[in-house]
Protein backbone atom coordinates (compact mmCIF):
# COMPACT_ATOMS: atom_id res chain seq x y z
CA MET A 1 -15.36 -12.36 -17.84
CA GLU A 2 -17.87 -14.33 -15.79
CA ASN A 3 -18.17 -15.09 -12.13
CA THR A 4 -15.85 -17.96 -11.45
CA PRO A 5 -16.50 -21.06 -9.37
CA GLU A 6 -13.59 -19.79 -7.26
CA LEU A 7 -15.79 -17.06 -5.82
CA ASN A 8 -18.62 -19.45 -5.03
CA SER A 9 -16.30 -21.96 -3.41
CA GLN A 10 -14.69 -19.31 -1.26
CA GLY A 11 -17.60 -18.18 0.89
CA LYS A 12 -15.45 -15.57 2.59
CA TYR A 13 -15.56 -13.43 -0.55
CA LEU A 14 -19.22 -13.79 -1.27
CA GLY A 15 -20.15 -13.30 2.39
CA THR A 16 -18.06 -10.21 3.09
CA ILE A 17 -18.79 -8.62 -0.28
CA THR A 18 -22.53 -9.17 0.10
CA LYS A 19 -22.46 -7.88 3.68
CA ASP A 20 -20.71 -4.70 2.54
CA PHE A 21 -22.69 -4.36 -0.70
CA ILE A 22 -26.02 -4.02 1.09
CA LYS A 23 -24.57 -1.00 2.95
CA VAL A 24 -23.15 0.77 -0.12
CA TYR A 25 -25.24 -0.36 -3.09
CA SER A 26 -27.18 2.93 -3.30
CA VAL A 27 -23.91 4.89 -3.61
CA LEU A 28 -22.68 2.51 -6.30
CA GLN A 29 -26.01 2.54 -8.12
CA GLU A 30 -26.02 6.34 -8.24
CA ALA A 31 -22.38 6.43 -9.39
CA SER A 32 -23.22 3.93 -12.15
CA TYR A 33 -26.08 6.13 -13.28
CA GLN A 34 -23.87 9.26 -13.29
CA VAL A 35 -21.07 7.55 -15.26
CA ARG A 36 -23.60 6.59 -17.93
CA LYS A 37 -25.60 9.84 -17.85
CA ARG A 38 -22.46 11.95 -18.28
CA ASN A 39 -21.33 9.71 -21.14
CA PHE A 40 -18.06 8.67 -19.52
CA SER A 41 -18.90 5.08 -20.41
CA LYS A 42 -21.70 2.57 -20.92
CA TYR A 43 -19.71 0.17 -18.73
CA PRO A 44 -19.19 1.38 -15.15
CA ILE A 45 -16.93 -0.85 -13.07
CA PHE A 46 -16.45 -0.69 -9.31
CA PRO A 47 -13.01 -1.83 -8.13
CA VAL A 48 -13.23 -3.41 -4.67
CA SER A 49 -10.26 -4.14 -2.42
CA LYS A 50 -9.39 -4.41 1.25
CA THR A 51 -6.35 -2.20 0.61
CA SER A 52 -6.16 1.15 -1.16
CA LEU A 53 -7.21 1.07 -4.79
CA SER A 54 -4.83 1.68 -7.66
CA ILE A 55 -7.53 2.10 -10.30
CA GLY A 56 -10.49 4.43 -10.53
CA GLN A 57 -11.56 7.03 -8.00
CA HIS A 58 -12.17 6.10 -4.36
CA LEU A 59 -15.87 6.26 -3.41
CA VAL A 60 -16.29 4.77 0.04
CA GLY A 61 -14.48 2.48 2.43
CA PRO A 62 -13.94 1.57 6.07
CA ASP A 63 -12.53 5.05 6.77
CA GLN A 64 -15.83 6.75 5.77
CA LYS A 65 -18.48 4.24 6.70
CA GLU A 66 -18.49 2.14 9.84
CA PHE A 67 -18.45 -1.62 9.55
CA LEU A 68 -17.23 -1.82 5.94
CA GLU A 69 -14.50 -4.33 5.18
CA TRP A 70 -13.84 -3.27 1.58
CA ASN A 71 -12.83 -0.08 -0.25
CA TYR A 72 -15.01 0.78 -3.25
CA GLY A 73 -13.96 2.87 -6.21
CA VAL A 74 -15.56 3.87 -9.47
CA SER A 75 -14.08 3.37 -12.90
CA PHE A 76 -15.19 2.21 -16.33
CA ALA A 77 -14.23 -0.29 -18.99
CA GLU A 78 -12.22 2.18 -21.07
CA GLU A 79 -9.87 2.87 -18.13
CA PHE A 80 -9.45 -0.90 -17.67
CA LEU A 81 -8.65 -1.13 -21.39
CA GLN A 82 -6.13 1.71 -21.14
CA LYS A 83 -4.41 0.05 -18.16
CA GLU A 84 -4.56 -3.32 -19.93
CA LEU A 85 -6.71 -4.93 -17.25
CA ILE A 86 -9.00 -5.77 -20.15
CA LEU A 87 -7.01 -6.74 -23.23
CA ALA A 88 -7.91 -4.97 -26.48
CA ASP A 89 -8.59 -8.24 -28.28
CA ARG A 90 -11.01 -9.28 -25.51
CA PHE A 91 -12.89 -5.96 -25.23
CA GLU A 92 -15.79 -7.06 -27.46
CA GLU A 93 -16.14 -10.22 -25.38
CA PHE A 94 -16.20 -8.10 -22.21
CA LYS A 95 -18.94 -5.85 -23.61
CA LYS A 96 -21.05 -8.87 -24.61
CA SER A 97 -20.75 -10.39 -21.13
CA TYR A 98 -21.40 -7.11 -19.31
CA LYS A 99 -24.74 -7.24 -17.49
CA ASN A 100 -27.42 -4.54 -17.53
CA PRO A 101 -26.03 -1.74 -15.27
CA ASP A 102 -29.53 -0.76 -14.16
CA GLU A 103 -29.95 -4.21 -12.61
CA PHE A 104 -26.41 -5.38 -11.79
CA CYS A 105 -23.34 -3.85 -10.23
CA CYS A 106 -20.07 -4.82 -11.95
CA LEU A 107 -17.47 -5.23 -9.22
CA PHE A 108 -13.81 -5.86 -9.90
CA VAL A 109 -12.69 -7.72 -6.79
CA ILE A 110 -8.99 -7.43 -5.96
CA ASP A 111 -7.63 -9.61 -3.17
CA ASP A 112 -4.53 -11.72 -2.54
CA GLU A 113 -6.09 -14.96 -3.75
CA PHE A 114 -8.81 -13.65 -6.06
CA VAL A 115 -8.98 -11.04 -8.84
CA ASN A 116 -12.02 -11.08 -11.10
CA PHE A 117 -15.22 -9.39 -12.25
CA VAL A 118 -18.28 -10.18 -10.17
CA TYR A 119 -21.83 -9.07 -10.98
CA ILE A 120 -24.15 -8.55 -8.04
CA PRO A 121 -27.81 -7.63 -8.57
CA TYR A 122 -29.05 -4.47 -6.92
CA PRO A 123 -31.56 -5.30 -4.16
CA LEU A 124 -35.27 -5.34 -4.98
CA ASP A 125 -38.21 -4.93 -2.61
CA GLU A 126 -40.88 -7.62 -2.21
CA ASP A 127 -42.78 -6.21 -5.24
CA GLY A 128 -39.71 -6.52 -7.46
CA ASN A 129 -38.96 -2.79 -7.48
CA GLU A 130 -35.49 -1.38 -6.98
CA ILE A 131 -34.81 -0.26 -3.44
CA LEU A 132 -33.56 3.33 -3.61
């Protein structure tokens, strides 16, 4: 459940995801907070795909926000478990590897050549404070 070398070696993913992420991170950060605050889950997950999403609820994509390349949805670990995207015998491992949702966004990137969890830190200002 970690970032794979595949992502780092394929700059197209990191580049386009980062370019989009900076435009939508505040929406994702607020959704993460709401998922946790409303006790849906301690583990928000944001499915990301260039096509329509088959998991979670659609949040934002190229049809709502200019210059986005990816569609972003919101889900959580328990839905991934239910749909067997996280196997029951690996759920504890997933929870241990899950990064602090106040600091990192857990993306589930879905593309033809790449499907995996990716953690991206929320941007900070020059003083180290979260940019809201």
